[in-house]
Structure formats: C-alpha cells, structure tokens
PDB file of N, CA and C in Angstrom:
ATOM      1  N   MET A   1      24.508  -4.852  11.579  1.00  0.00           N
ATOM      2  CA  MET A   1      23.800  -6.090  11.818  1.00  0.00           C
ATOM      3  C   MET A   1      23.638  -6.357  13.307  1.00  0.00           C
ATOM      4  N   ALA A   2      22.785  -5.584  13.955  1.00  0.00           N
ATOM      5  CA  ALA A   2      22.556  -5.733  15.386  1.00  0.00           C
ATOM      6  C   ALA A   2      21.940  -7.091  15.701  1.00  0.00           C
ATOM      7  N   THR A   3      21.080  -7.596  14.820  1.00  0.00           N
ATOM      8  CA  THR A   3      20.447  -8.889  15.049  1.00  0.00           C
ATOM      9  C   THR A   3      21.492  -9.991  15.113  1.00  0.00           C
ATOM     10  N   ASN A   4      22.463  -9.941  14.222  1.00  0.00           N
ATOM     11  CA  ASN A   4      23.515 -10.942  14.209  1.00  0.00           C
ATOM     12  C   ASN A   4      24.309 -10.900  15.515  1.00  0.00           C
ATOM     13  N   LEU A   5      24.605  -9.698  15.993  1.00  0.00           N
ATOM     14  CA  LEU A   5      25.332  -9.541  17.250  1.00  0.00           C
ATOM     15  C   LEU A   5      24.504 -10.081  18.404  1.00  0.00           C
ATOM     16  N   LEU A   6      23.221  -9.782  18.438  1.00  0.00           N
ATOM     17  CA  LEU A   6      22.340 -10.277  19.485  1.00  0.00           C
ATOM     18  C   LEU A   6      22.265 -11.800  19.458  1.00  0.00           C
ATOM     19  N   THR A   7      22.178 -12.369  18.278  1.00  0.00           N
ATOM     20  CA  THR A   7      22.129 -13.824  18.142  1.00  0.00           C
ATOM     21  C   THR A   7      23.394 -14.456  18.711  1.00  0.00           C
ATOM     22  N   LYS A   8      24.536 -13.842  18.432  1.00  0.00           N
ATOM     23  CA  LYS A   8      25.806 -14.350  18.964  1.00  0.00           C
ATOM     24  C   LYS A   8      25.872 -14.203  20.474  1.00  0.00           C
ATOM     25  N   GLN A   9      25.386 -13.069  21.000  1.00  0.00           N
ATOM     26  CA  GLN A   9      25.401 -12.852  22.447  1.00  0.00           C
ATOM     27  C   GLN A   9      24.497 -13.837  23.175  1.00  0.00           C
ATOM     28  N   VAL A  10      23.321 -14.078  22.627  1.00  0.00           N
ATOM     29  CA  VAL A  10      22.389 -15.032  23.235  1.00  0.00           C
ATOM     30  C   VAL A  10      22.993 -16.430  23.196  1.00  0.00           C
ATOM     31  N   GLY A  11      23.561 -16.796  22.066  1.00  0.00           N
ATOM     32  CA  GLY A  11      24.203 -18.103  21.942  1.00  0.00           C
ATOM     33  C   GLY A  11      25.333 -18.268  22.938  1.00  0.00           C
ATOM     34  N   SER A  12      26.121 -17.234  23.087  1.00  0.00           N
ATOM     35  CA  SER A  12      27.223 -17.250  24.049  1.00  0.00           C
ATOM     36  C   SER A  12      26.705 -17.396  25.473  1.00  0.00           C
ATOM     37  N   SER A  13      25.636 -16.717  25.794  1.00  0.00           N
ATOM     38  CA  SER A  13      25.038 -16.818  27.130  1.00  0.00           C
ATOM     39  C   SER A  13      24.549 -18.234  27.406  1.00  0.00           C
ATOM     40  N   ILE A  14      23.911 -18.827  26.414  1.00  0.00           N
ATOM     41  CA  ILE A  14      23.406 -20.197  26.567  1.00  0.00           C
ATOM     42  C   ILE A  14      24.566 -21.171  26.759  1.00  0.00           C
ATOM     43  N   LYS A  15      25.607 -20.996  25.977  1.00  0.00           N
ATOM     44  CA  LYS A  15      26.787 -21.863  26.120  1.00  0.00           C
ATOM     45  C   LYS A  15      27.401 -21.692  27.504  1.00  0.00           C
ATOM     46  N   HIS A  16      27.484 -20.447  27.960  1.00  0.00           N
ATOM     47  CA  HIS A  16      28.044 -20.172  29.282  1.00  0.00           C
ATOM     48  C   HIS A  16      27.222 -20.863  30.375  1.00  0.00           C
ATOM     49  N   LEU A  17      25.898 -20.792  30.274  1.00  0.00           N
ATOM     50  CA  LEU A  17      25.035 -21.464  31.248  1.00  0.00           C
ATOM     51  C   LEU A  17      25.281 -22.965  31.254  1.00  0.00           C
ATOM     52  N   ARG A  18      25.384 -23.543  30.066  1.00  0.00           N
ATOM     53  CA  ARG A  18      25.603 -24.984  29.953  1.00  0.00           C
ATOM     54  C   ARG A  18      26.935 -25.381  30.571  1.00  0.00           C
ATOM     55  N   LEU A  19      27.982 -24.646  30.231  1.00  0.00           N
ATOM     56  CA  LEU A  19      29.310 -24.965  30.751  1.00  0.00           C
ATOM     57  C   LEU A  19      29.389 -24.744  32.265  1.00  0.00           C
ATOM     58  N   ALA A  20      28.709 -23.709  32.752  1.00  0.00           N
ATOM     59  CA  ALA A  20      28.722 -23.421  34.188  1.00  0.00           C
ATOM     60  C   ALA A  20      28.087 -24.558  34.984  1.00  0.00           C
ATOM     61  N   LYS A  21      27.130 -25.230  34.370  1.00  0.00           N
ATOM     62  CA  LYS A  21      26.476 -26.357  35.037  1.00  0.00           C
ATOM     63  C   LYS A  21      27.188 -27.677  34.742  1.00  0.00           C
ATOM     64  N   GLY A  22      28.198 -27.637  33.885  1.00  0.00           N
ATOM     65  CA  GLY A  22      28.952 -28.843  33.564  1.00  0.00           C
ATOM     66  C   GLY A  22      28.139 -29.865  32.784  1.00  0.00           C
ATOM     67  N   ILE A  23      27.290 -29.374  31.910  1.00  0.00           N
ATOM     68  CA  ILE A  23      26.409 -30.243  31.131  1.00  0.00           C
ATOM     69  C   ILE A  23      26.879 -30.254  29.681  1.00  0.00           C
ATOM     70  N   GLY A  24      26.835 -31.411  29.066  1.00  0.00           N
ATOM     71  CA  GLY A  24      27.223 -31.528  27.667  1.00  0.00           C
ATOM     72  C   GLY A  24      26.106 -31.124  26.722  1.00  0.00           C
ATOM     73  N   GLN A  25      26.472 -30.848  25.492  1.00  0.00           N
ATOM     74  CA  GLN A  25      25.474 -30.458  24.487  1.00  0.00           C
ATOM     75  C   GLN A  25      24.453 -31.557  24.253  1.00  0.00           C
ATOM     76  N   THR A  26      24.881 -32.800  24.317  1.00  0.00           N
ATOM     77  CA  THR A  26      23.960 -33.915  24.070  1.00  0.00           C
ATOM     78  C   THR A  26      22.820 -33.924  25.078  1.00  0.00           C
ATOM     79  N   GLU A  27      23.155 -33.749  26.350  1.00  0.00           N
ATOM     80  CA  GLU A  27      22.143 -33.762  27.397  1.00  0.00           C
ATOM     81  C   GLU A  27      21.153 -32.621  27.222  1.00  0.00           C
ATOM     82  N   VAL A  28      21.661 -31.439  26.928  1.00  0.00           N
ATOM     83  CA  VAL A  28      20.780 -30.278  26.744  1.00  0.00           C
ATOM     84  C   VAL A  28      19.906 -30.463  25.507  1.00  0.00           C
ATOM     85  N   ALA A  29      20.509 -30.910  24.429  1.00  0.00           N
ATOM     86  CA  ALA A  29      19.765 -31.114  23.184  1.00  0.00           C
ATOM     87  C   ALA A  29      18.632 -32.120  23.389  1.00  0.00           C
ATOM     88  N   LEU A  30      18.916 -33.210  24.083  1.00  0.00           N
ATOM     89  CA  LEU A  30      17.875 -34.212  24.362  1.00  0.00           C
ATOM     90  C   LEU A  30      16.737 -33.603  25.174  1.00  0.00           C
ATOM     91  N   ALA A  31      17.084 -32.848  26.197  1.00  0.00           N
ATOM     92  CA  ALA A  31      16.065 -32.225  27.049  1.00  0.00           C
ATOM     93  C   ALA A  31      15.206 -31.235  26.271  1.00  0.00           C
ATOM     94  N   LEU A  32      15.813 -30.560  25.296  1.00  0.00           N
ATOM     95  CA  LEU A  32      15.084 -29.565  24.507  1.00  0.00           C
ATOM     96  C   LEU A  32      14.372 -30.171  23.303  1.00  0.00           C
ATOM     97  N   GLY A  33      14.692 -31.420  23.001  1.00  0.00           N
ATOM     98  CA  GLY A  33      14.075 -32.088  21.851  1.00  0.00           C
ATOM     99  C   GLY A  33      14.616 -31.597  20.520  1.00  0.00           C
ATOM    100  N   ILE A  34      15.890 -31.210  20.505  1.00  0.00           N
ATOM    101  CA  ILE A  34      16.527 -30.775  19.265  1.00  0.00           C
ATOM    102  C   ILE A  34      17.812 -31.562  19.067  1.00  0.00           C
ATOM    103  N   SER A  35      18.381 -31.442  17.897  1.00  0.00           N
ATOM    104  CA  SER A  35      19.623 -32.149  17.622  1.00  0.00           C
ATOM    105  C   SER A  35      20.805 -31.418  18.255  1.00  0.00           C
ATOM    106  N   VAL A  36      21.884 -32.148  18.459  1.00  0.00           N
ATOM    107  CA  VAL A  36      23.105 -31.548  18.979  1.00  0.00           C
ATOM    108  C   VAL A  36      23.602 -30.486  17.996  1.00  0.00           C
ATOM    109  N   ALA A  37      23.472 -30.765  16.712  1.00  0.00           N
ATOM    110  CA  ALA A  37      23.900 -29.806  15.692  1.00  0.00           C
ATOM    111  C   ALA A  37      23.113 -28.503  15.797  1.00  0.00           C
ATOM    112  N   ALA A  38      21.804 -28.615  16.047  1.00  0.00           N
ATOM    113  CA  ALA A  38      20.974 -27.415  16.182  1.00  0.00           C
ATOM    114  C   ALA A  38      21.400 -26.612  17.409  1.00  0.00           C
ATOM    115  N   LEU A  39      21.662 -27.291  18.526  1.00  0.00           N
ATOM    116  CA  LEU A  39      22.114 -26.602  19.732  1.00  0.00           C
ATOM    117  C   LEU A  39      23.470 -25.950  19.502  1.00  0.00           C
ATOM    118  N   SER A  40      24.329 -26.648  18.814  1.00  0.00           N
ATOM    119  CA  SER A  40      25.658 -26.115  18.509  1.00  0.00           C
ATOM    120  C   SER A  40      25.552 -24.826  17.696  1.00  0.00           C
ATOM    121  N   LYS A  41      24.648 -24.814  16.728  1.00  0.00           N
ATOM    122  CA  LYS A  41      24.448 -23.615  15.909  1.00  0.00           C
ATOM    123  C   LYS A  41      23.873 -22.464  16.741  1.00  0.00           C
ATOM    124  N   ILE A  42      22.985 -22.791  17.674  1.00  0.00           N
ATOM    125  CA  ILE A  42      22.423 -21.758  18.555  1.00  0.00           C
ATOM    126  C   ILE A  42      23.536 -21.152  19.398  1.00  0.00           C
ATOM    127  N   GLU A  43      24.348 -22.014  20.011  1.00  0.00           N
ATOM    128  CA  GLU A  43      25.430 -21.538  20.879  1.00  0.00           C
ATOM    129  C   GLU A  43      26.471 -20.728  20.111  1.00  0.00           C
ATOM    130  N   ALA A  44      26.694 -21.089  18.863  1.00  0.00           N
ATOM    131  CA  ALA A  44      27.681 -20.385  18.041  1.00  0.00           C
ATOM    132  C   ALA A  44      27.118 -19.096  17.453  1.00  0.00           C
ATOM    133  N   GLY A  45      25.816 -18.883  17.612  1.00  0.00           N
ATOM    134  CA  GLY A  45      25.187 -17.684  17.071  1.00  0.00           C
ATOM    135  C   GLY A  45      24.985 -17.762  15.570  1.00  0.00           C
ATOM    136  N   LEU A  46      24.930 -18.966  15.047  1.00  0.00           N
ATOM    137  CA  LEU A  46      24.782 -19.157  13.605  1.00  0.00           C
ATOM    138  C   LEU A  46      23.329 -19.285  13.171  1.00  0.00           C
ATOM    139  N   THR A  47      22.446 -19.429  14.136  1.00  0.00           N
ATOM    140  CA  THR A  47      21.034 -19.555  13.810  1.00  0.00           C
ATOM    141  C   THR A  47      20.212 -18.705  14.769  1.00  0.00           C
ATOM    142  N   ASP A  48      19.164 -18.092  14.258  1.00  0.00           N
ATOM    143  CA  ASP A  48      18.260 -17.311  15.090  1.00  0.00           C
ATOM    144  C   ASP A  48      17.505 -18.248  16.023  1.00  0.00           C
ATOM    145  N   ILE A  49      17.123 -17.717  17.145  1.00  0.00           N
ATOM    146  CA  ILE A  49      16.363 -18.495  18.119  1.00  0.00           C
ATOM    147  C   ILE A  49      15.038 -17.783  18.360  1.00  0.00           C
ATOM    148  N   ASN A  50      13.941 -18.538  18.285  1.00  0.00           N
ATOM    149  CA  ASN A  50      12.643 -17.897  18.490  1.00  0.00           C
ATOM    150  C   ASN A  50      12.333 -17.801  19.982  1.00  0.00           C
ATOM    151  N   LEU A  51      11.331 -17.028  20.307  1.00  0.00           N
ATOM    152  CA  LEU A  51      11.003 -16.736  21.697  1.00  0.00           C
ATOM    153  C   LEU A  51      10.591 -17.989  22.473  1.00  0.00           C
ATOM    154  N   SER A  52       9.841 -18.870  21.838  1.00  0.00           N
ATOM    155  CA  SER A  52       9.411 -20.079  22.550  1.00  0.00           C
ATOM    156  C   SER A  52      10.600 -20.982  22.856  1.00  0.00           C
ATOM    157  N   ARG A  53      11.563 -21.067  21.952  1.00  0.00           N
ATOM    158  CA  ARG A  53      12.769 -21.866  22.200  1.00  0.00           C
ATOM    159  C   ARG A  53      13.598 -21.214  23.318  1.00  0.00           C
ATOM    160  N   LEU A  54      13.685 -19.888  23.282  1.00  0.00           N
ATOM    161  CA  LEU A  54      14.415 -19.159  24.320  1.00  0.00           C
ATOM    162  C   LEU A  54      13.770 -19.400  25.687  1.00  0.00           C
ATOM    163  N   ALA A  55      12.443 -19.385  25.738  1.00  0.00           N
ATOM    164  CA  ALA A  55      11.722 -19.656  26.986  1.00  0.00           C
ATOM    165  C   ALA A  55      11.980 -21.082  27.456  1.00  0.00           C
ATOM    166  N   GLN A  56      12.013 -22.011  26.537  1.00  0.00           N
ATOM    167  CA  GLN A  56      12.288 -23.413  26.870  1.00  0.00           C
ATOM    168  C   GLN A  56      13.698 -23.559  27.466  1.00  0.00           C
ATOM    169  N   ILE A  57      14.656 -22.887  26.866  1.00  0.00           N
ATOM    170  CA  ILE A  57      16.037 -22.939  27.352  1.00  0.00           C
ATOM    171  C   ILE A  57      16.138 -22.296  28.733  1.00  0.00           C
ATOM    172  N   ALA A  58      15.495 -21.160  28.899  1.00  0.00           N
ATOM    173  CA  ALA A  58      15.513 -20.480  30.194  1.00  0.00           C
ATOM    174  C   ALA A  58      14.911 -21.371  31.278  1.00  0.00           C
ATOM    175  N   LYS A  59      13.826 -22.025  30.957  1.00  0.00           N
ATOM    176  CA  LYS A  59      13.185 -22.934  31.913  1.00  0.00           C
ATOM    177  C   LYS A  59      14.114 -24.103  32.241  1.00  0.00           C
ATOM    178  N   TYR A  60      14.769 -24.654  31.246  1.00  0.00           N
ATOM    179  CA  TYR A  60      15.679 -25.779  31.461  1.00  0.00           C
ATOM    180  C   TYR A  60      16.809 -25.396  32.418  1.00  0.00           C
ATOM    181  N   PHE A  61      17.378 -24.207  32.227  1.00  0.00           N
ATOM    182  CA  PHE A  61      18.492 -23.760  33.077  1.00  0.00           C
ATOM    183  C   PHE A  61      18.018 -23.048  34.342  1.00  0.00           C
ATOM    184  N   GLN A  62      16.700 -22.914  34.491  1.00  0.00           N
ATOM    185  CA  GLN A  62      16.087 -22.264  35.653  1.00  0.00           C
ATOM    186  C   GLN A  62      16.581 -20.828  35.827  1.00  0.00           C
ATOM    187  N   VAL A  63      16.552 -20.091  34.733  1.00  0.00           N
ATOM    188  CA  VAL A  63      16.897 -18.673  34.737  1.00  0.00           C
ATOM    189  C   VAL A  63      15.821 -17.921  33.972  1.00  0.00           C
ATOM    190  N   SER A  64      15.846 -16.600  34.057  1.00  0.00           N
ATOM    191  CA  SER A  64      14.872 -15.808  33.307  1.00  0.00           C
ATOM    192  C   SER A  64      15.385 -15.577  31.880  1.00  0.00           C
ATOM    193  N   ILE A  65      14.456 -15.303  31.005  1.00  0.00           N
ATOM    194  CA  ILE A  65      14.828 -14.961  29.625  1.00  0.00           C
ATOM    195  C   ILE A  65      15.697 -13.705  29.638  1.00  0.00           C
ATOM    196  N   ILE A  66      15.341 -12.767  30.490  1.00  0.00           N
ATOM    197  CA  ILE A  66      16.102 -11.520  30.596  1.00  0.00           C
ATOM    198  C   ILE A  66      17.559 -11.800  30.936  1.00  0.00           C
ATOM    199  N   SER A  67      17.797 -12.741  31.839  1.00  0.00           N
ATOM    200  CA  SER A  67      19.181 -13.021  32.221  1.00  0.00           C
ATOM    201  C   SER A  67      19.982 -13.584  31.044  1.00  0.00           C
ATOM    202  N   ILE A  68      19.324 -14.325  30.183  1.00  0.00           N
ATOM    203  CA  ILE A  68      20.015 -14.839  28.990  1.00  0.00           C
ATOM    204  C   ILE A  68      20.293 -13.695  28.024  1.00  0.00           C
ATOM    205  N   LEU A  69      19.308 -12.820  27.844  1.00  0.00           N
ATOM    206  CA  LEU A  69      19.471 -11.712  26.905  1.00  0.00           C
ATOM    207  C   LEU A  69      20.490 -10.686  27.383  1.00  0.00           C
ATOM    208  N   SER A  70      20.591 -10.506  28.690  1.00  0.00           N
ATOM    209  CA  SER A  70      21.455  -9.450  29.211  1.00  0.00           C
ATOM    210  C   SER A  70      22.773  -9.958  29.762  1.00  0.00           C
ATOM    211  N   LYS A  71      23.080 -11.212  29.604  1.00  0.00           N
ATOM    212  CA  LYS A  71      24.293 -11.809  30.178  1.00  0.00           C
ATOM    213  C   LYS A  71      25.542 -11.028  29.794  1.00  0.00           C
ATOM    214  N   ASP A  72      25.741 -10.766  28.530  1.00  0.00           N
ATOM    215  CA  ASP A  72      26.947 -10.063  28.090  1.00  0.00           C
ATOM    216  C   ASP A  72      26.947  -8.611  28.538  1.00  0.00           C
ATOM    217  N   ILE A  73      25.778  -8.011  28.621  1.00  0.00           N
ATOM    218  CA  ILE A  73      25.704  -6.621  29.067  1.00  0.00           C
ATOM    219  C   ILE A  73      26.188  -6.524  30.506  1.00  0.00           C
ATOM    220  N   VAL A  74      25.732  -7.443  31.344  1.00  0.00           N
ATOM    221  CA  VAL A  74      26.135  -7.441  32.742  1.00  0.00           C
ATOM    222  C   VAL A  74      27.624  -7.703  32.875  1.00  0.00           C
ATOM    223  N   SER A  75      28.166  -8.606  32.078  1.00  0.00           N
ATOM    224  CA  SER A  75      29.585  -8.945  32.203  1.00  0.00           C
ATOM    225  C   SER A  75      30.490  -7.829  31.697  1.00  0.00           C
ATOM    226  N   GLU A  76      29.938  -6.872  30.955  1.00  0.00           N
ATOM    227  CA  GLU A  76      30.742  -5.786  30.416  1.00  0.00           C
ATOM    228  C   GLU A  76      30.785  -4.560  31.326  1.00  0.00           C
ATOM    229  N   VAL A  77      30.185  -4.661  32.512  1.00  0.00           N
ATOM    230  CA  VAL A  77      30.218  -3.543  33.444  1.00  0.00           C
ATOM    231  C   VAL A  77      31.669  -3.303  33.851  1.00  0.00           C
ATOM    232  N   SER A  78      32.090  -2.069  33.769  1.00  0.00           N
ATOM    233  CA  SER A  78      33.497  -1.758  34.053  1.00  0.00           C
ATOM    234  C   SER A  78      33.810  -1.868  35.535  1.00  0.00           C
ATOM    235  N   GLU A  79      35.076  -2.070  35.832  1.00  0.00           N
ATOM    236  CA  GLU A  79      35.505  -2.143  37.227  1.00  0.00           C
ATOM    237  C   GLU A  79      35.258  -0.814  37.932  1.00  0.00           C
ATOM    238  N   ASN A  80      35.388   0.288  37.197  1.00  0.00           N
ATOM    239  CA  ASN A  80      35.117   1.597  37.791  1.00  0.00           C
ATOM    240  C   ASN A  80      33.686   1.687  38.291  1.00  0.00           C
ATOM    241  N   THR A  81      32.763   1.168  37.515  1.00  0.00           N
ATOM    242  CA  THR A  81      31.356   1.192  37.912  1.00  0.00           C
ATOM    243  C   THR A  81      31.156   0.360  39.162  1.00  0.00           C
ATOM    244  N   ILE A  82      31.786  -0.792  39.219  1.00  0.00           N
ATOM    245  CA  ILE A  82      31.670  -1.653  40.388  1.00  0.00           C
ATOM    246  C   ILE A  82      32.288  -0.965  41.604  1.00  0.00           C
ATOM    247  N   ASP A  83      33.463  -0.349  41.415  1.00  0.00           N
ATOM    248  CA  ASP A  83      34.113   0.370  42.509  1.00  0.00           C
ATOM    249  C   ASP A  83      33.243   1.512  43.017  1.00  0.00           C
ATOM    250  N   GLU A  84      32.620   2.240  42.091  1.00  0.00           N
ATOM    251  CA  GLU A  84      31.729   3.335  42.480  1.00  0.00           C
ATOM    252  C   GLU A  84      30.540   2.807  43.275  1.00  0.00           C
ATOM    253  N   PHE A  85      30.010   1.683  42.836  1.00  0.00           N
ATOM    254  CA  PHE A  85      28.881   1.079  43.533  1.00  0.00           C
ATOM    255  C   PHE A  85      29.273   0.693  44.961  1.00  0.00           C
ATOM    256  N   VAL A  86      30.430   0.065  45.119  1.00  0.00           N
ATOM    257  CA  VAL A  86      30.903  -0.340  46.445  1.00  0.00           C
ATOM    258  C   VAL A  86      31.113   0.884  47.329  1.00  0.00           C
ATOM    259  N   GLU A  87      31.704   1.934  46.757  1.00  0.00           N
ATOM    260  CA  GLU A  87      31.933   3.164  47.518  1.00  0.00           C
ATOM    261  C   GLU A  87      30.604   3.774  47.981  1.00  0.00           C
ATOM    262  N   LEU A  88      29.640   3.830  47.088  1.00  0.00           N
ATOM    263  CA  LEU A  88      28.326   4.373  47.453  1.00  0.00           C
ATOM    264  C   LEU A  88      27.642   3.512  48.513  1.00  0.00           C
ATOM    265  N   LYS A  89      27.794   2.216  48.397  1.00  0.00           N
ATOM    266  CA  LYS A  89      27.213   1.302  49.382  1.00  0.00           C
ATOM    267  C   LYS A  89      27.837   1.546  50.756  1.00  0.00           C
ATOM    268  N   ASN A  90      29.152   1.738  50.797  1.00  0.00           N
ATOM    269  CA  ASN A  90      29.834   2.020  52.064  1.00  0.00           C
ATOM    270  C   ASN A  90      29.397   3.357  52.655  1.00  0.00           C
ATOM    271  N   LYS A  91      29.249   4.372  51.796  1.00  0.00           N
ATOM    272  CA  LYS A  91      28.782   5.681  52.268  1.00  0.00           C
ATOM    273  C   LYS A  91      27.376   5.576  52.844  1.00  0.00           C
ATOM    274  N   LEU A  92      26.540   4.806  52.186  1.00  0.00           N
ATOM    275  CA  LEU A  92      25.181   4.609  52.673  1.00  0.00           C
ATOM    276  C   LEU A  92      25.192   3.932  54.045  1.00  0.00           C
ATOM    277  N   ALA A  93      26.032   2.939  54.215  1.00  0.00           N
ATOM    278  CA  ALA A  93      26.141   2.255  55.509  1.00  0.00           C
ATOM    279  C   ALA A  93      26.592   3.233  56.597  1.00  0.00           C
ATOM    280  N   ASP A  94      27.551   4.099  56.262  1.00  0.00           N
ATOM    281  CA  ASP A  94      28.015   5.106  57.225  1.00  0.00           C
ATOM    282  C   ASP A  94      26.883   6.061  57.605  1.00  0.00           C
ATOM    283  N   LYS A  95      26.119   6.499  56.624  1.00  0.00           N
ATOM    284  CA  LYS A  95      24.997   7.415  56.889  1.00  0.00           C
ATOM    285  C   LYS A  95      23.937   6.737  57.755  1.00  0.00           C
ATOM    286  N   GLU A  96      23.711   5.461  57.523  1.00  0.00           N
ATOM    287  CA  GLU A  96      22.731   4.740  58.338  1.00  0.00           C
ATOM    288  C   GLU A  96      23.191   4.676  59.792  1.00  0.00           C
ATOM    289  N   LYS A  97      24.493   4.497  60.007  1.00  0.00           N
ATOM    290  CA  LYS A  97      25.028   4.490  61.370  1.00  0.00           C
ATOM    291  C   LYS A  97      24.825   5.854  62.031  1.00  0.00           C
ATOM    292  N   GLU A  98      25.047   6.926  61.269  1.00  0.00           N
ATOM    293  CA  GLU A  98      24.847   8.273  61.790  1.00  0.00           C
ATOM    294  C   GLU A  98      23.392   8.495  62.184  1.00  0.00           C
ATOM    295  N   VAL A  99      22.475   8.006  61.371  1.00  0.00           N
ATOM    296  CA  VAL A  99      21.049   8.155  61.657  1.00  0.00           C
ATOM    297  C   VAL A  99      20.699   7.429  62.949  1.00  0.00           C
ATOM    298  N   VAL A 100      21.233   6.232  63.132  1.00  0.00           N
ATOM    299  CA  VAL A 100      20.965   5.473  64.359  1.00  0.00           C
ATOM    300  C   VAL A 100      21.482   6.228  65.578  1.00  0.00           C
ATOM    301  N   LYS A 101      22.681   6.795  65.477  1.00  0.00           N
ATOM    302  CA  LYS A 101      23.247   7.580  66.590  1.00  0.00           C
ATOM    303  C   LYS A 101      22.357   8.777  66.909  1.00  0.00           C
ATOM    304  N   LEU A 102      21.902   9.468  65.871  1.00  0.00           N
ATOM    305  CA  LEU A 102      21.030  10.624  66.079  1.00  0.00           C
ATOM    306  C   LEU A 102      19.702  10.209  66.705  1.00  0.00           C
ATOM    307  N   GLN A 103      19.171   9.085  66.295  1.00  0.00           N
ATOM    308  CA  GLN A 103      17.923   8.601  66.881  1.00  0.00           C
ATOM    309  C   GLN A 103      18.105   8.318  68.375  1.00  0.00           C
ATOM    310  N   LYS A 104      19.242   7.736  68.726  1.00  0.00           N
ATOM    311  CA  LYS A 104      19.526   7.460  70.144  1.00  0.00           C
ATOM    312  C   LYS A 104      19.616   8.766  70.935  1.00  0.00           C
ATOM    313  N   LYS A 105      20.262   9.792  70.355  1.00  0.00           N
ATOM    314  CA  LYS A 105      20.370  11.091  71.028  1.00  0.00           C
ATOM    315  C   LYS A 105      18.998  11.702  71.253  1.00  0.00           C
ATOM    316  N   VAL A 106      18.133  11.600  70.265  1.00  0.00           N
ATOM    317  CA  VAL A 106      16.781  12.145  70.385  1.00  0.00           C
ATOM    318  C   VAL A 106      16.031  11.410  71.487  1.00  0.00           C
ATOM    319  N   ILE A 107      16.155  10.101  71.536  1.00  0.00           N
ATOM    320  CA  ILE A 107      15.485   9.313  72.576  1.00  0.00           C
ATOM    321  C   ILE A 107      16.009   9.709  73.955  1.00  0.00           C
ATOM    322  N   ASP A 108      17.338   9.871  74.067  1.00  0.00           N
ATOM    323  CA  ASP A 108      17.938  10.286  75.342  1.00  0.00           C
ATOM    324  C   ASP A 108      17.412  11.652  75.772  1.00  0.00           C
ATOM    325  N   LEU A 109      17.304  12.586  74.827  1.00  0.00           N
ATOM    326  CA  LEU A 109      16.784  13.922  75.148  1.00  0.00           C
ATOM    327  C   LEU A 109      15.340  13.857  75.625  1.00  0.00           C
ATOM    328  N   TYR A 110      14.521  13.040  74.962  1.00  0.00           N
ATOM    329  CA  TYR A 110      13.132  12.875  75.387  1.00  0.00           C
ATOM    330  C   TYR A 110      13.067  12.310  76.800  1.00  0.00           C
ATOM    331  N   GLU A 111      13.945  11.354  77.096  1.00  0.00           N
ATOM    332  CA  GLU A 111      13.967  10.751  78.434  1.00  0.00           C
ATOM    333  C   GLU A 111      14.378  11.777  79.487  1.00  0.00           C
ATOM    334  N   LYS A 112      15.372  12.624  79.174  1.00  0.00           N
ATOM    335  CA  LYS A 112      15.814  13.654  80.100  1.00  0.00           C
ATOM    336  C   LYS A 112      14.737  14.684  80.354  1.00  0.00           C
ATOM    337  N   LEU A 113      13.962  14.971  79.342  1.00  0.00           N
ATOM    338  CA  LEU A 113      12.889  15.945  79.474  1.00  0.00           C
ATOM    339  C   LEU A 113      11.635  15.330  80.100  1.00  0.00           C
ATOM    340  N   GLY A 114      11.641  14.009  80.235  1.00  0.00           N
ATOM    341  CA  GLY A 114      10.497  13.343  80.844  1.00  0.00           C
ATOM    342  C   GLY A 114       9.305  13.211  79.912  1.00  0.00           C
ATOM    343  N   LEU A 115       9.558  13.217  78.656  1.00  0.00           N
ATOM    344  CA  LEU A 115       8.440  13.109  77.681  1.00  0.00           C
ATOM    345  C   LEU A 115       8.212  11.688  77.274  1.00  0.00           C
TER     346      LEU A 115
END
C-alpha cells in the first residue's frame, strides 16, 4: 500500500510545517476553509489529499508542493551521506585554492616574459 504510506508522509509533512510555525490546527483549517477534523485527518494520513488542496496548503505555508512531498525523504538522508557531502565540499574548496595559486603563477610567468 504505497499510496497509504505516501498519504501518511504528506500528512506528517503538513503537520511538521504547522508545528514549525507554531500555528494551531484551528487557524490553518480556517485559512484553508476546511474543518479542524478534516485537517486532523489529513495530518494523520487518514484521508487522501487532492492536488488542489495540496497546492492550497503549500501556498499557505509558502513552500513548494515538492517540499511537502519529499519532506520525509530528505529527513531520511543518512549521516554518512551528509559526511561524504561535507568532505567533497571541502575537497572542492581545496582544489579551487590550488587553481587560484596556479593562475597566479601563470600570470607571474607572463609578466616575467613580458607578455
């Protein structure tokens, strides 16, 4: 039941957005024009959410639909992956420094040769 899992993940993402902003269900439900019970069911993953409702929610929280759909995927990235990313970023920074040094050497050589 992949659909059921997706519904729960989307609901969880919406709840997380609401809690992160410190907003109650009543306020969100009023803004969306739905009942608190309906919002509660969406957040709990007990009811499917259509695309237009998802777009409305994304607009309310000022996020993209993609960010709501992929929230749990992003949060499940392993620490190893993050560590690898940081290591690669540091290596790239080191290589950029080397390139700058080499560019300076080339400029110095051109100046010595009078070119």
